[in-house]
């Protein structure tokens, strides 16, 4: 019991020193703490909403991955086909350009 009273007394003393050094009244301290708590509570609430929105967006993205894979495969096939059709022309251009560059 004595230890508890000593600790409470020490805490009250340190609180008084804190208020004195910051030139703050107990009422102003309480208002500042309440305001800070409300701001942090609102920030946490905003973060939770943003996190839930992110999880929903991530789930939608995961649902679209099979479609994305199909599109990428089709795109790669089109690129390969275009390269196959263009390659003979590139070879001809390189052949003529190498003739032009020779002295």
Protein backbone atom coordinates (compact mmCIF):
# COMPACT_ATOMS: atom_id res chain seq x y z
CA UNK A 1 0.00 0.00 0.00
CA UNK A 2 2.79 2.41 0.93
CA UNK A 3 4.59 1.64 -2.33
CA UNK A 4 1.44 2.39 -4.31
CA UNK A 5 1.02 5.73 -2.54
CA UNK A 6 4.66 6.58 -3.12
CA UNK A 7 4.32 5.78 -6.81
CA UNK A 8 1.13 7.85 -7.10
CA UNK A 9 2.82 10.73 -5.29
CA UNK A 10 5.86 10.53 -7.55
CA UNK A 11 3.62 10.44 -10.63
CA UNK A 12 1.68 13.47 -9.40
CA UNK A 13 4.93 15.31 -8.71
CA UNK A 14 6.31 14.51 -12.17
CA UNK A 15 3.02 15.56 -13.76
CA UNK A 16 3.20 18.85 -11.89
CA UNK A 17 6.79 19.39 -13.04
CA UNK A 18 5.75 18.63 -16.62
CA UNK A 19 2.88 21.13 -16.47
CA UNK A 20 5.12 23.77 -14.87
CA UNK A 21 7.92 23.40 -17.43
CA UNK A 22 5.46 23.57 -20.32
CA UNK A 23 3.55 26.46 -18.70
CA UNK A 24 0.29 24.57 -19.14
CA UNK A 25 -2.74 24.30 -16.89
CA UNK A 26 -4.29 20.91 -16.14
CA UNK A 27 -7.39 21.95 -18.11
CA UNK A 28 -5.30 22.92 -21.16
CA UNK A 29 -3.41 19.63 -20.87
CA UNK A 30 -6.66 17.67 -20.71
CA UNK A 31 -8.06 19.54 -23.74
CA UNK A 32 -4.87 18.93 -25.71
CA UNK A 33 -4.88 15.24 -24.83
CA UNK A 34 -8.56 14.89 -25.78
CA UNK A 35 -7.98 16.70 -29.09
CA UNK A 36 -4.93 14.59 -29.84
CA UNK A 37 -6.88 11.43 -29.03
CA UNK A 38 -9.73 12.45 -31.35
CA UNK A 39 -7.30 13.23 -34.18
CA UNK A 40 -5.52 9.89 -33.77
CA UNK A 41 -8.83 8.04 -33.51
CA UNK A 42 -10.01 9.67 -36.75
CA UNK A 43 -6.70 8.87 -38.46
CA UNK A 44 -7.00 5.25 -37.38
CA UNK A 45 -10.56 5.12 -38.66
CA UNK A 46 -9.45 6.58 -42.01
CA UNK A 47 -6.63 4.06 -42.18
CA UNK A 48 -9.03 1.16 -41.54
CA UNK A 49 -11.31 2.35 -44.35
CA UNK A 50 -8.35 2.74 -46.72
CA UNK A 51 -7.09 -0.72 -45.76
CA UNK A 52 -10.48 -2.31 -46.45
CA UNK A 53 -10.66 -0.49 -49.80
CA UNK A 54 -7.18 -1.78 -50.63
CA UNK A 55 -8.16 -5.36 -49.75
CA UNK A 56 -11.24 -5.12 -51.98
CA UNK A 57 -9.20 -3.70 -54.86
CA UNK A 58 -6.60 -6.45 -54.42
CA UNK A 59 -9.31 -9.12 -54.52
CA UNK A 60 -10.75 -7.60 -57.70
CA UNK A 61 -7.27 -7.57 -59.22
CA UNK A 62 -6.75 -11.23 -58.29
CA UNK A 63 -10.06 -12.07 -59.94
CA UNK A 64 -8.84 -10.43 -63.16
CA UNK A 65 -5.49 -12.26 -63.31
CA UNK A 66 -6.75 -15.14 -65.51
CA UNK A 67 -8.14 -12.64 -68.03
CA UNK A 68 -4.88 -10.71 -67.91
CA UNK A 69 -2.92 -13.89 -68.62
CA UNK A 70 -5.10 -14.58 -71.67
CA UNK A 71 -4.50 -11.06 -72.96
CA UNK A 72 -0.73 -11.32 -72.42
CA UNK A 73 -0.58 -14.65 -74.24
CA UNK A 74 -2.56 -13.23 -77.17
CA UNK A 75 -0.37 -10.14 -77.24
CA UNK A 76 2.82 -12.22 -77.24
CA UNK A 77 1.43 -14.36 -80.06
CA UNK A 78 0.66 -11.22 -82.10
CA UNK A 79 4.15 -9.85 -81.46
CA UNK A 80 5.77 -13.12 -82.49
CA UNK A 81 3.68 -13.22 -85.66
CA UNK A 82 4.59 -9.63 -86.51
CA UNK A 83 8.29 -10.34 -85.97
CA UNK A 84 8.04 -13.43 -88.17
CA UNK A 85 6.49 -11.37 -90.96
CA UNK A 86 8.92 -8.45 -90.58
CA UNK A 87 12.14 -10.46 -90.23
CA UNK A 88 12.73 -11.07 -94.00
CA UNK A 89 12.37 -7.34 -94.66
CA UNK A 90 14.79 -6.49 -91.84
CA UNK A 91 17.28 -8.99 -93.28
CA UNK A 92 17.03 -7.31 -96.71
CA UNK A 93 17.49 -3.86 -95.18
CA UNK A 94 20.54 -5.06 -93.24
CA UNK A 95 22.01 -6.63 -96.39
CA UNK A 96 21.67 -3.36 -98.36
CA UNK A 97 22.88 -1.21 -95.50
CA UNK A 98 25.98 -3.37 -95.06
CA UNK A 99 26.71 -2.97 -98.83
CA UNK A 100 26.34 0.80 -98.51
CA UNK A 101 28.63 0.98 -95.46
CA UNK A 102 31.47 -0.98 -97.16
CA UNK A 103 34.08 1.28 -98.77
